[in-house]
Amino acid sequence: MLKRNGLPGLTADDWMTLGDIYTRAWFGRTWMIQEVALSRTATVLIGNHEIPWDTVGDTAGLINMSGALVGLFSVGSDLQPIPLIQSIIHASDLHVTRQWSQDKQSRYRELLRNIDYSVGIRDEHPKRLLLELLLSSVGFRATVPRDRVYSLIGIVNYMNHAKGQPRLDLKIDYESSDDVVLTQLGIDFLEDTKSLHLLSLAGIASRAKSSNLPTWIPSFDLVHAPVLGPSYTTLPRFDASAGAKAEFSIDKDLNRLNVKAFSPHLGTIEELGELWSDVCQGNFNNTMKMLLHCGTTYVPTGQPIVEAFWRTLIMDSDLSQRPAPSHLSESFSKWMLLITIKALIACQSENPSIYDQFDALEPLWTLANTRDSSNTLPKTSDMIPLLFELGLRHDPTVRVNTESENQDRFTSWGKVSAHFETLLRINIVANRRLVRTVRGYLCLVPLHAKVGDRIMVISGCATPVVLRRKGPSDNCFQVVGDAYVHGAMFGEHITGDFTWRDIHLI
């Protein structure tokens, strides 16, 4: 990506140096947002070195916004890519907020016009800027939860003053509990915006630690990336409820949010895919079985099931366009090849017979040989000779590649797979997993989701939400978190005979 813009690519040593700078905890602290944004001449001190903030921020912004992070997955296994990715994104977000606060004097003003931090809430309201700053700082940490909000007030008032607008009417309260403060703020946001889009930021799964906060109140911990996170304005906006008006009421005595849910819903969760850590170790049989149960064609979109699978994993976007470009199927294919090799190696010690070794991945071969009309999954006819060529199985009649030849092959595969793996890690590693509902939908949901949870469309909420029935009433639910549901993000489910049923969120 950098080379396309006339810049040299980053080597493994370059990434190691960047990691030494950006993985410092300082970049992810919420109070640093104000320090960086409002300082006239911010400077970063690293040991005996002194670096202007704009150099640090511009570098992070260039790497993040150019897509250069893709290269991190093709330069060697000695790096720890996830912490570095998160840290560079944090530094980039710090810099964007600094540029944002400079308004017309910002060198980024054209770029900022193309980034949407509003989660689709278009109406003006007194706390709009505060909400956008909260969304632009997803993942930043604060020791005291309410400081996720309070640390941004100085920036809000500074920017309001520059525009001739009144100061933010928000009382600083360190006497009440965090739950009381955040509940009142959440109610204010809902009443001011008259929107339920904020439900996608709420839920049990969004909390860094357990609390008594109503599950429909956003805590802004956001330990997983929300489906409605900041995005480029060129991306189509999600609209799962097909433009339906947000109809809700708040029972402040019972801390209950009364909303309308589409009936029939998108289905009860029936199958769970593996955690990302398991997939990395070559354990993905449950996911393959899930796809087998979907048939050859993914009914909600009419796509081949394997295509629907890879599109679901990356929320059908390459971060700059949606739907994701079809050429990503090649990158996905090489990624599947690499994790299949890892899976075969992992089960080889327990299965000395090559037949038993391949039988251990029977769901994959069945899917590849009988359901993969797109021909993107590795097949046994390809993998058996490949194992001998790589030297993982031995036959005196088969030539074994040299170590250099194997290295070249894996490097080539890694470069092709890097684009898909980058997008995948952004979506899956952010504490999500693949699931299938009884109605056949493939979804990305928070790790807290369980078999039996329901995925529903709420009137006026842009994304489906995972709900968990609570108590004897069939209308009372806790919010688990938001969901990406392939084939239901733009109102496709709102057809035929349906009703809006009243439910209560607690």
Foldseek 3Di string as FASTA:
>chain_A
DVVVVVDDAAAPVNLVVLCVPQLPLLLQALLVLCVLQPDPFDWDDDPPDIHTLVVLQVVLLCCVVVVSLLVVQQHDDPDDSPSSVVRSLSSNLSVVSSQVLVAPPHPCNVVVVFKDQQLPLDDDFLCRVLSSNLLSSQQRDDPALCCSRVSCQVSQQSSCVVVVHDRRPDDDDPPDHLLVRQLVVQVVVCVRSVFLQCQQQFAPLQDPDDDPRFRSGHSSNGLFNGPSGMATPQEDRFALQQQFGWDWDADVVVRKIKFWWKPPFPFFFAAFFDAPVCLQQLDTLSVLVLLVVCALAQPLVRHGSVVLVLQQLLLCDLRHYPNHDPVCLQLVLLVLVVSNVSNLLNCCVVPVDPVVSVVVNVSQQCCQVPRPPVNRHDHPVPVPLVCCQCVVDDDVVHHHDDPVVVVVVVSVSSSSNSSSVVSSCSRRVSQWTWTAGPNGWIKIDHVPDDGRWTWIDTRRHQFIWTWDDDPDDPQETETHHTMSTPSRRNNSVVDDDMDIDMHMGD
